[in-house]
Amino acid sequence: MQLLRMLAATAVLVAAITSSAIAADVSGAGATFPYPIYAKWVEGVKAGDLTLDGPTLARIFLGEIKSWNDAALRKLNPSLNLPSQPIAVVHRSDGSGTTFVFTDYLSKMSADWRSKVGSITAVDWPVGTGARGNEGVAAMVARIKGAIGYVEYTYAKHNQLSTAKLTNKDGKAVAPTIESFTAAAHSANWEAAPGFGVILTNESGPDSWPMTSATFVLMHKQPSDPAAAAEVLRFFNWAYAKGGKMAEELDYVPMPANVVDAVQKLWASDIRDAGGKPIFALSN
């Protein structure tokens, strides 16, 4: 069932788009996925009241900020009576795209994070307790007092974790919602990136959540089986046209219409058979 849910969500959002590779010509595909952060059991702080920013978040995960009433947190939350409760950092113990997006954002926000930890699917965490998978982090954050972690949006939603607002590139404190993820996707300059390979962290826009990401599907520009590749593109085309509501029901965000249009044009111009003929046309 989980496989089918993920397939439905990804299918609605992905599209074959082209870029170059040394070993083979491939195409990337984008789907907007959110990766917010969540805090739970911070005494005296209601869900959604806490505000963080990128530099402060990096310092928490570097182990430099150790309690919830640290001066940096009080400055961001002057109206809150923050407790002297210790912060319990929870992170992924396994490699994941979630970790890549989270650490990519922290690397953009903190030179110290960039030089000491970096951005990749699995890092050497300076502090904290590791848990396997989004579900493991969600469960641990939910039961440890003063915990903070990062998970995919749907895990936080279904585990009813308390969310923190995050100050974005425009200086606005925004909550992790489908609307703020959509705003980030709309703000991105997708066509400027090779293969539409945009990492949606720290995007501009007053309503943009600054820690959003995309999933990619790869296809050869000249497929060895053009008929099978054409069926794949036909499926993606159906998903773009018919699957938006299903994506939203699974807490995913459909690609912006302008990006869909640009992607579909690249199908015709760049994905061809050995004779140079496009393997798929929108009239199919």
C-alpha atoms as a PDB file:
ATOM      1  CA  MET A   1       0.000   0.000   0.000  1.00  0.00           C
ATOM      2  CA  GLN A   2       2.817   2.399   0.844  1.00  0.00           C
ATOM      3  CA  LEU A   3       4.423   1.711  -2.530  1.00  0.00           C
ATOM      4  CA  LEU A   4       1.182   2.560  -4.297  1.00  0.00           C
ATOM      5  CA  ARG A   5       0.764   5.736  -2.256  1.00  0.00           C
ATOM      6  CA  MET A   6       4.268   6.888  -3.112  1.00  0.00           C
ATOM      7  CA  LEU A   7       3.792   5.989  -6.768  1.00  0.00           C
ATOM      8  CA  ALA A   8       0.584   7.986  -6.947  1.00  0.00           C
ATOM      9  CA  ALA A   9       2.149  10.978  -5.269  1.00  0.00           C
ATOM     10  CA  THR A  10       5.292  10.907  -7.371  1.00  0.00           C
ATOM     11  CA  ALA A  11       3.498  10.193 -10.609  1.00  0.00           C
ATOM     12  CA  VAL A  12       1.296  13.227 -10.245  1.00  0.00           C
ATOM     13  CA  LEU A  13       4.305  15.446  -9.839  1.00  0.00           C
ATOM     14  CA  VAL A  14       7.083  14.050 -11.987  1.00  0.00           C
ATOM     15  CA  ALA A  15       7.902  14.766 -15.597  1.00  0.00           C
ATOM     16  CA  ALA A  16      10.721  13.818 -17.893  1.00  0.00           C
ATOM     17  CA  ILE A  17      12.954  16.775 -18.670  1.00  0.00           C
ATOM     18  CA  THR A  18      16.396  16.758 -20.174  1.00  0.00           C
ATOM     19  CA  SER A  19      19.931  17.485 -19.070  1.00  0.00           C
ATOM     20  CA  SER A  20      23.369  16.207 -19.995  1.00  0.00           C
ATOM     21  CA  ALA A  21      25.447  13.548 -18.279  1.00  0.00           C
ATOM     22  CA  ILE A  22      28.933  12.223 -19.003  1.00  0.00           C
ATOM     23  CA  ALA A  23      27.989   8.546 -19.087  1.00  0.00           C
ATOM     24  CA  ALA A  24      24.620   8.911 -20.741  1.00  0.00           C
ATOM     25  CA  ASP A  25      22.140  11.522 -21.767  1.00  0.00           C
ATOM     26  CA  VAL A  26      19.416  11.528 -19.167  1.00  0.00           C
ATOM     27  CA  SER A  27      16.490  13.632 -18.182  1.00  0.00           C
ATOM     28  CA  GLY A  28      15.500  14.751 -14.710  1.00  0.00           C
ATOM     29  CA  ALA A  29      12.017  15.185 -13.330  1.00  0.00           C
ATOM     30  CA  GLY A  30      10.727  17.395 -10.558  1.00  0.00           C
ATOM     31  CA  ALA A  31       8.104  16.946  -7.883  1.00  0.00           C
ATOM     32  CA  THR A  32       7.628  19.353  -5.023  1.00  0.00           C
ATOM     33  CA  PHE A  33       8.104  17.715  -1.628  1.00  0.00           C
ATOM     34  CA  PRO A  34       8.156  19.605   1.683  1.00  0.00           C
ATOM     35  CA  TYR A  35      10.672  18.923   4.421  1.00  0.00           C
ATOM     36  CA  PRO A  36       9.751  21.056   7.449  1.00  0.00           C
ATOM     37  CA  ILE A  37      11.176  20.876  10.950  1.00  0.00           C
ATOM     38  CA  TYR A  38       9.221  20.145  14.087  1.00  0.00           C
ATOM     39  CA  ALA A  39       9.546  20.699  17.816  1.00  0.00           C
ATOM     40  CA  LYS A  40       7.538  18.902  20.495  1.00  0.00           C
ATOM     41  CA  TRP A  41       7.008  19.154  24.266  1.00  0.00           C
ATOM     42  CA  VAL A  42       8.572  22.573  24.732  1.00  0.00           C
ATOM     43  CA  GLU A  43       7.011  23.535  28.058  1.00  0.00           C
ATOM     44  CA  GLY A  44       4.684  26.529  27.941  1.00  0.00           C
ATOM     45  CA  VAL A  45       4.902  26.958  24.143  1.00  0.00           C
ATOM     46  CA  LYS A  46       1.804  26.200  22.076  1.00  0.00           C
ATOM     47  CA  ALA A  47       1.985  24.456  18.728  1.00  0.00           C
ATOM     48  CA  GLY A  48       2.861  26.935  15.976  1.00  0.00           C
ATOM     49  CA  ASP A  49       3.958  29.725  18.344  1.00  0.00           C
ATOM     50  CA  LEU A  50       7.709  29.142  18.087  1.00  0.00           C
ATOM     51  CA  THR A  51       9.709  30.994  15.406  1.00  0.00           C
ATOM     52  CA  LEU A  52      13.175  29.969  14.214  1.00  0.00           C
ATOM     53  CA  ASP A  53      15.520  31.218  11.501  1.00  0.00           C
ATOM     54  CA  GLY A  54      18.215  29.462   9.495  1.00  0.00           C
ATOM     55  CA  PRO A  55      21.310  30.642  11.390  1.00  0.00           C
ATOM     56  CA  THR A  56      19.732  29.808  14.753  1.00  0.00           C
ATOM     57  CA  LEU A  57      18.586  26.413  13.520  1.00  0.00           C
ATOM     58  CA  ALA A  58      22.129  25.659  12.356  1.00  0.00           C
ATOM     59  CA  ARG A  59      23.508  26.591  15.768  1.00  0.00           C
ATOM     60  CA  ILE A  60      21.005  24.260  17.451  1.00  0.00           C
ATOM     61  CA  PHE A  61      22.082  21.327  15.276  1.00  0.00           C
ATOM     62  CA  LEU A  62      25.756  22.259  15.764  1.00  0.00           C
ATOM     63  CA  GLY A  63      25.209  21.960  19.506  1.00  0.00           C
ATOM     64  CA  GLU A  64      25.981  25.613  20.198  1.00  0.00           C
ATOM     65  CA  ILE A  65      22.458  26.427  21.421  1.00  0.00           C
ATOM     66  CA  LYS A  66      21.611  23.988  24.189  1.00  0.00           C
ATOM     67  CA  SER A  67      18.457  25.275  25.909  1.00  0.00           C
ATOM     68  CA  TRP A  68      15.121  26.647  24.776  1.00  0.00           C
ATOM     69  CA  ASN A  69      15.637  29.961  26.578  1.00  0.00           C
ATOM     70  CA  ASP A  70      18.918  30.774  24.812  1.00  0.00           C
ATOM     71  CA  ALA A  71      19.298  34.469  23.971  1.00  0.00           C
ATOM     72  CA  ALA A  72      19.051  33.794  20.218  1.00  0.00           C
ATOM     73  CA  LEU A  73      15.695  32.046  20.664  1.00  0.00           C
ATOM     74  CA  ARG A  74      14.399  34.724  23.012  1.00  0.00           C
ATOM     75  CA  LYS A  75      15.254  37.374  20.428  1.00  0.00           C
ATOM     76  CA  LEU A  76      13.219  35.556  17.778  1.00  0.00           C
ATOM     77  CA  ASN A  77      10.331  34.992  20.206  1.00  0.00           C
ATOM     78  CA  PRO A  78      10.053  38.091  22.429  1.00  0.00           C
ATOM     79  CA  SER A  79       6.429  37.389  23.374  1.00  0.00           C
ATOM     80  CA  LEU A  80       7.066  33.815  24.531  1.00  0.00           C
ATOM     81  CA  ASN A  81       8.114  32.720  27.997  1.00  0.00           C
ATOM     82  CA  LEU A  82      10.677  30.169  26.852  1.00  0.00           C
ATOM     83  CA  PRO A  83      11.699  27.553  29.421  1.00  0.00           C
ATOM     84  CA  SER A  84      15.226  26.693  30.515  1.00  0.00           C
ATOM     85  CA  GLN A  85      14.506  23.202  29.239  1.00  0.00           C
ATOM     86  CA  PRO A  86      17.384  21.438  27.422  1.00  0.00           C
ATOM     87  CA  ILE A  87      17.061  21.014  23.662  1.00  0.00           C
ATOM     88  CA  ALA A  88      17.118  17.384  22.526  1.00  0.00           C
ATOM     89  CA  VAL A  89      18.261  17.222  18.888  1.00  0.00           C
ATOM     90  CA  VAL A  90      16.911  14.313  16.829  1.00  0.00           C
ATOM     91  CA  HIS A  91      18.261  13.545  13.355  1.00  0.00           C
ATOM     92  CA  ARG A  92      18.246  10.776  10.788  1.00  0.00           C
ATOM     93  CA  SER A  93      20.605   7.855  11.381  1.00  0.00           C
ATOM     94  CA  ASP A  94      20.279   6.643   7.795  1.00  0.00           C
ATOM     95  CA  GLY A  95      21.028   8.392   4.524  1.00  0.00           C
ATOM     96  CA  SER A  96      18.086  10.223   3.003  1.00  0.00           C
ATOM     97  CA  GLY A  97      16.961  12.934   0.637  1.00  0.00           C
ATOM     98  CA  THR A  98      15.310  14.561   3.635  1.00  0.00           C
ATOM     99  CA  THR A  99      18.709  14.985   5.264  1.00  0.00           C
ATOM    100  CA  PHE A 100      20.186  16.329   2.036  1.00  0.00           C
ATOM    101  CA  VAL A 101      17.550  19.054   1.795  1.00  0.00           C
ATOM    102  CA  PHE A 102      17.811  19.926   5.480  1.00  0.00           C
ATOM    103  CA  THR A 103      21.606  20.167   5.404  1.00  0.00           C
ATOM    104  CA  ASP A 104      21.565  22.023   2.079  1.00  0.00           C
ATOM    105  CA  TYR A 105      19.404  24.677   3.723  1.00  0.00           C
ATOM    106  CA  LEU A 106      21.634  24.860   6.803  1.00  0.00           C
ATOM    107  CA  SER A 107      24.716  25.168   4.563  1.00  0.00           C
ATOM    108  CA  LYS A 108      23.145  28.181   2.863  1.00  0.00           C
ATOM    109  CA  MET A 109      22.314  29.719   6.232  1.00  0.00           C
ATOM    110  CA  SER A 110      25.569  29.070   8.118  1.00  0.00           C
ATOM    111  CA  ALA A 111      29.193  29.205   6.985  1.00  0.00           C
ATOM    112  CA  ASP A 112      30.115  27.166  10.070  1.00  0.00           C
ATOM    113  CA  TRP A 113      27.665  24.435   9.133  1.00  0.00           C
ATOM    114  CA  ARG A 114      28.898  24.448   5.539  1.00  0.00           C
ATOM    115  CA  SER A 115      32.557  24.059   6.564  1.00  0.00           C
ATOM    116  CA  LYS A 116      32.135  21.713   9.541  1.00  0.00           C
ATOM    117  CA  VAL A 117      29.277  19.438   8.445  1.00  0.00           C
ATOM    118  CA  GLY A 118      28.312  20.110   4.840  1.00  0.00           C
ATOM    119  CA  SER A 119      25.375  18.954   2.758  1.00  0.00           C
ATOM    120  CA  ILE A 120      24.816  15.358   1.673  1.00  0.00           C
ATOM    121  CA  THR A 121      22.371  12.513   2.266  1.00  0.00           C
ATOM    122  CA  ALA A 122      24.246  11.352   5.408  1.00  0.00           C
ATOM    123  CA  VAL A 123      26.477  13.565   7.552  1.00  0.00           C
ATOM    124  CA  ASP A 124      28.497  13.280  10.754  1.00  0.00           C
ATOM    125  CA  TRP A 125      26.114  14.986  13.157  1.00  0.00           C
ATOM    126  CA  PRO A 126      27.843  17.122  15.808  1.00  0.00           C
ATOM    127  CA  VAL A 127      25.129  16.412  18.398  1.00  0.00           C
ATOM    128  CA  GLY A 128      21.861  14.602  18.874  1.00  0.00           C
ATOM    129  CA  THR A 129      20.217  11.209  18.717  1.00  0.00           C
ATOM    130  CA  GLY A 130      19.712   9.355  15.463  1.00  0.00           C
ATOM    131  CA  ALA A 131      16.543   7.588  14.350  1.00  0.00           C
ATOM    132  CA  ARG A 132      15.888   5.598  11.213  1.00  0.00           C
ATOM    133  CA  GLY A 133      13.523   7.003   8.614  1.00  0.00           C
ATOM    134  CA  ASN A 134      11.047   9.845   8.786  1.00  0.00           C
ATOM    135  CA  GLU A 135       8.828   7.641  10.914  1.00  0.00           C
ATOM    136  CA  GLY A 136      11.623   7.046  13.429  1.00  0.00           C
ATOM    137  CA  VAL A 137      12.415  10.736  13.797  1.00  0.00           C
ATOM    138  CA  ALA A 138       8.722  11.605  14.088  1.00  0.00           C
ATOM    139  CA  ALA A 139       8.196   9.000  16.810  1.00  0.00           C
ATOM    140  CA  MET A 140      11.257  10.069  18.791  1.00  0.00           C
ATOM    141  CA  VAL A 141      10.453  13.781  18.599  1.00  0.00           C
ATOM    142  CA  ALA A 142       6.900  13.015  19.696  1.00  0.00           C
ATOM    143  CA  ARG A 143       7.983  11.266  22.905  1.00  0.00           C
ATOM    144  CA  ILE A 144      11.091  13.192  24.026  1.00  0.00           C
ATOM    145  CA  LYS A 145      10.549  16.410  25.964  1.00  0.00           C
ATOM    146  CA  GLY A 146      12.246  19.422  24.415  1.00  0.00           C
ATOM    147  CA  ALA A 147      13.004  17.567  21.184  1.00  0.00           C
ATOM    148  CA  ILE A 148      13.522  19.127  17.789  1.00  0.00           C
ATOM    149  CA  GLY A 149      13.889  17.263  14.516  1.00  0.00           C
ATOM    150  CA  TYR A 150      13.163  17.366  10.800  1.00  0.00           C
ATOM    151  CA  VAL A 151      10.823  15.144   8.807  1.00  0.00           C
ATOM    152  CA  GLU A 152       8.773  15.135   5.645  1.00  0.00           C
ATOM    153  CA  TYR A 153       5.582  17.126   6.110  1.00  0.00           C
ATOM    154  CA  THR A 154       3.161  14.220   5.993  1.00  0.00           C
ATOM    155  CA  TYR A 155       4.898  12.455   8.902  1.00  0.00           C
ATOM    156  CA  ALA A 156       4.597  15.522  11.104  1.00  0.00           C
ATOM    157  CA  LYS A 157       0.986  16.037  10.084  1.00  0.00           C
ATOM    158  CA  HIS A 158      -0.131  12.491  10.764  1.00  0.00           C
ATOM    159  CA  ASN A 159       1.836  12.293  14.020  1.00  0.00           C
ATOM    160  CA  GLN A 160       0.342  15.637  15.114  1.00  0.00           C
ATOM    161  CA  LEU A 161       3.732  17.143  15.943  1.00  0.00           C
ATOM    162  CA  SER A 162       4.015  20.787  16.920  1.00  0.00           C
ATOM    163  CA  THR A 163       5.442  22.908  14.127  1.00  0.00           C
ATOM    164  CA  ALA A 164       7.738  25.888  14.241  1.00  0.00           C
ATOM    165  CA  LYS A 165       7.544  28.890  11.944  1.00  0.00           C
ATOM    166  CA  LEU A 166      10.698  29.597   9.964  1.00  0.00           C
ATOM    167  CA  THR A 167      11.933  32.995   8.818  1.00  0.00           C
ATOM    168  CA  ASN A 168      12.363  32.926   5.048  1.00  0.00           C
ATOM    169  CA  LYS A 169      14.608  34.798   2.618  1.00  0.00           C
ATOM    170  CA  ASP A 170      12.248  37.783   2.596  1.00  0.00           C
ATOM    171  CA  GLY A 171      12.387  38.033   6.377  1.00  0.00           C
ATOM    172  CA  LYS A 172       8.856  36.734   6.903  1.00  0.00           C
ATOM    173  CA  ALA A 173       8.034  34.076   9.495  1.00  0.00           C
ATOM    174  CA  VAL A 174       6.025  31.400   7.684  1.00  0.00           C
ATOM    175  CA  ALA A 175       4.419  28.154   8.808  1.00  0.00           C
ATOM    176  CA  PRO A 176       4.950  24.851   6.968  1.00  0.00           C
ATOM    177  CA  THR A 177       1.746  24.501   4.937  1.00  0.00           C
ATOM    178  CA  ILE A 178       0.762  23.321   1.485  1.00  0.00           C
ATOM    179  CA  GLU A 179       0.341  27.002   0.553  1.00  0.00           C
ATOM    180  CA  SER A 180       3.860  27.971   1.617  1.00  0.00           C
ATOM    181  CA  PHE A 181       5.349  24.947  -0.190  1.00  0.00           C
ATOM    182  CA  THR A 182       3.436  25.951  -3.318  1.00  0.00           C
ATOM    183  CA  ALA A 183       4.740  29.508  -3.014  1.00  0.00           C
ATOM    184  CA  ALA A 184       8.322  28.218  -2.951  1.00  0.00           C
ATOM    185  CA  ALA A 185       7.722  26.134  -6.076  1.00  0.00           C
ATOM    186  CA  HIS A 186       6.232  29.140  -7.872  1.00  0.00           C
ATOM    187  CA  SER A 187       9.152  31.381  -6.890  1.00  0.00           C
ATOM    188  CA  ALA A 188      11.863  29.102  -8.281  1.00  0.00           C
ATOM    189  CA  ASN A 189      13.584  29.729 -11.602  1.00  0.00           C
ATOM    190  CA  TRP A 190      13.170  26.165 -12.861  1.00  0.00           C
ATOM    191  CA  GLU A 191      14.127  26.713 -16.485  1.00  0.00           C
ATOM    192  CA  ALA A 192      17.480  28.252 -15.571  1.00  0.00           C
ATOM    193  CA  ALA A 193      18.681  25.022 -13.951  1.00  0.00           C
ATOM    194  CA  PRO A 194      20.098  22.180 -16.088  1.00  0.00           C
ATOM    195  CA  GLY A 195      17.482  19.445 -16.239  1.00  0.00           C
ATOM    196  CA  PHE A 196      15.175  21.608 -14.132  1.00  0.00           C
ATOM    197  CA  GLY A 197      17.301  20.434 -11.197  1.00  0.00           C
ATOM    198  CA  VAL A 198      16.243  23.070  -8.680  1.00  0.00           C
ATOM    199  CA  ILE A 199      16.881  22.605  -4.964  1.00  0.00           C
ATOM    200  CA  LEU A 200      14.042  24.575  -3.421  1.00  0.00           C
ATOM    201  CA  THR A 201      15.840  25.797  -0.321  1.00  0.00           C
ATOM    202  CA  ASN A 202      15.850  29.469   0.667  1.00  0.00           C
ATOM    203  CA  GLU A 203      13.658  30.512  -2.259  1.00  0.00           C
ATOM    204  CA  SER A 204      12.506  34.129  -2.369  1.00  0.00           C
ATOM    205  CA  GLY A 205       8.927  35.260  -1.840  1.00  0.00           C
ATOM    206  CA  PRO A 206       7.144  36.507   1.274  1.00  0.00           C
ATOM    207  CA  ASP A 207       4.973  33.372   1.499  1.00  0.00           C
ATOM    208  CA  SER A 208       7.637  30.768   0.646  1.00  0.00           C
ATOM    209  CA  TRP A 209       8.593  28.013   3.077  1.00  0.00           C
ATOM    210  CA  PRO A 210      12.407  27.950   2.849  1.00  0.00           C
ATOM    211  CA  MET A 211      12.939  24.199   3.102  1.00  0.00           C
ATOM    212  CA  THR A 212      11.122  22.556   0.201  1.00  0.00           C
ATOM    213  CA  SER A 213      12.456  20.080  -2.324  1.00  0.00           C
ATOM    214  CA  ALA A 214      11.798  18.109  -5.495  1.00  0.00           C
ATOM    215  CA  THR A 215      11.971  14.448  -6.462  1.00  0.00           C
ATOM    216  CA  PHE A 216      13.447  13.519  -9.834  1.00  0.00           C
ATOM    217  CA  VAL A 217      12.881  10.831 -12.440  1.00  0.00           C
ATOM    218  CA  LEU A 218      15.660  10.121 -14.945  1.00  0.00           C
ATOM    219  CA  MET A 219      15.186   9.099 -18.576  1.00  0.00           C
ATOM    220  CA  HIS A 220      17.581   8.699 -21.474  1.00  0.00           C
ATOM    221  CA  LYS A 221      17.358  11.329 -24.171  1.00  0.00           C
ATOM    222  CA  GLN A 222      17.610   8.510 -26.712  1.00  0.00           C
ATOM    223  CA  PRO A 223      15.848   5.550 -25.066  1.00  0.00           C
ATOM    224  CA  SER A 224      16.805   2.030 -26.053  1.00  0.00           C
ATOM    225  CA  ASP A 225      13.094   1.150 -26.023  1.00  0.00           C
ATOM    226  CA  PRO A 226      11.262   4.156 -27.503  1.00  0.00           C
ATOM    227  CA  ALA A 227       7.837   2.529 -27.210  1.00  0.00           C
ATOM    228  CA  ALA A 228       8.244   1.923 -23.475  1.00  0.00           C
ATOM    229  CA  ALA A 229       9.612   5.437 -22.946  1.00  0.00           C
ATOM    230  CA  ALA A 230       6.646   6.890 -24.824  1.00  0.00           C
ATOM    231  CA  GLU A 231       4.282   5.026 -22.484  1.00  0.00           C
ATOM    232  CA  VAL A 232       6.124   6.472 -19.483  1.00  0.00           C
ATOM    233  CA  LEU A 233       5.716  10.001 -20.838  1.00  0.00           C
ATOM    234  CA  ARG A 234       2.071   9.307 -21.651  1.00  0.00           C
ATOM    235  CA  PHE A 235       1.570   8.314 -18.014  1.00  0.00           C
ATOM    236  CA  PHE A 236       3.281  11.464 -16.762  1.00  0.00           C
ATOM    237  CA  ASN A 237       1.150  13.527 -19.134  1.00  0.00           C
ATOM    238  CA  TRP A 238      -1.996  11.926 -17.694  1.00  0.00           C
ATOM    239  CA  ALA A 239      -0.724  12.572 -14.172  1.00  0.00           C
ATOM    240  CA  TYR A 240      -0.177  16.262 -14.902  1.00  0.00           C
ATOM    241  CA  ALA A 241      -3.669  16.588 -16.355  1.00  0.00           C
ATOM    242  CA  LYS A 242      -5.642  14.403 -13.933  1.00  0.00           C
ATOM    243  CA  GLY A 243      -3.627  13.775 -10.795  1.00  0.00           C
ATOM    244  CA  GLY A 244      -3.383  17.117  -9.017  1.00  0.00           C
ATOM    245  CA  LYS A 245      -6.158  16.381  -6.527  1.00  0.00           C
ATOM    246  CA  MET A 246      -4.638  13.002  -5.654  1.00  0.00           C
ATOM    247  CA  ALA A 247      -1.301  14.671  -4.992  1.00  0.00           C
ATOM    248  CA  GLU A 248      -2.872  17.194  -2.656  1.00  0.00           C
ATOM    249  CA  GLU A 249      -4.736  14.456  -0.786  1.00  0.00           C
ATOM    250  CA  LEU A 250      -1.344  12.826  -0.123  1.00  0.00           C
ATOM    251  CA  ASP A 251       0.121  16.165   1.087  1.00  0.00           C
ATOM    252  CA  TYR A 252       2.191  16.762  -2.037  1.00  0.00           C
ATOM    253  CA  VAL A 253       2.192  19.849  -4.229  1.00  0.00           C
ATOM    254  CA  PRO A 254       1.536  19.681  -7.990  1.00  0.00           C
ATOM    255  CA  MET A 255       4.145  21.342 -10.171  1.00  0.00           C
ATOM    256  CA  PRO A 256       3.362  24.930 -11.240  1.00  0.00           C
ATOM    257  CA  ALA A 257       1.576  25.169 -14.600  1.00  0.00           C
ATOM    258  CA  ASN A 258       4.395  27.151 -16.217  1.00  0.00           C
ATOM    259  CA  VAL A 259       6.894  24.438 -15.269  1.00  0.00           C
ATOM    260  CA  VAL A 260       4.616  21.706 -16.621  1.00  0.00           C
ATOM    261  CA  ASP A 261       4.403  23.562 -19.929  1.00  0.00           C
ATOM    262  CA  ALA A 262       8.183  23.955 -20.173  1.00  0.00           C
ATOM    263  CA  VAL A 263       8.782  20.311 -19.285  1.00  0.00           C
ATOM    264  CA  GLN A 264       6.336  19.048 -21.873  1.00  0.00           C
ATOM    265  CA  LYS A 265       8.010  21.133 -24.559  1.00  0.00           C
ATOM    266  CA  LEU A 266      11.321  19.468 -23.699  1.00  0.00           C
ATOM    267  CA  TRP A 267       9.766  16.043 -24.129  1.00  0.00           C
ATOM    268  CA  ALA A 268       9.168  16.869 -27.780  1.00  0.00           C
ATOM    269  CA  SER A 269      12.464  18.623 -28.406  1.00  0.00           C
ATOM    270  CA  ASP A 270      14.943  16.418 -26.515  1.00  0.00           C
ATOM    271  CA  ILE A 271      13.618  12.869 -26.032  1.00  0.00           C
ATOM    272  CA  ARG A 272      13.897  11.210 -29.437  1.00  0.00           C
ATOM    273  CA  ASP A 273      14.392   7.844 -31.093  1.00  0.00           C
ATOM    274  CA  ALA A 274      17.527   6.818 -32.980  1.00  0.00           C
ATOM    275  CA  GLY A 275      16.205   8.515 -36.112  1.00  0.00           C
ATOM    276  CA  GLY A 276      15.755  11.845 -34.333  1.00  0.00           C
ATOM    277  CA  LYS A 277      11.968  11.630 -34.172  1.00  0.00           C
ATOM    278  CA  PRO A 278      10.250  12.727 -30.912  1.00  0.00           C
ATOM    279  CA  ILE A 279       8.919   9.656 -29.126  1.00  0.00           C
ATOM    280  CA  PHE A 280       5.968  11.513 -27.608  1.00  0.00           C
ATOM    281  CA  ALA A 281       3.709  14.349 -28.657  1.00  0.00           C
ATOM    282  CA  LEU A 282       1.042  16.014 -26.506  1.00  0.00           C
ATOM    283  CA  SER A 283      -1.569  14.957 -29.047  1.00  0.00           C
ATOM    284  CA  ASN A 284      -0.893  11.305 -28.148  1.00  0.00           C
END
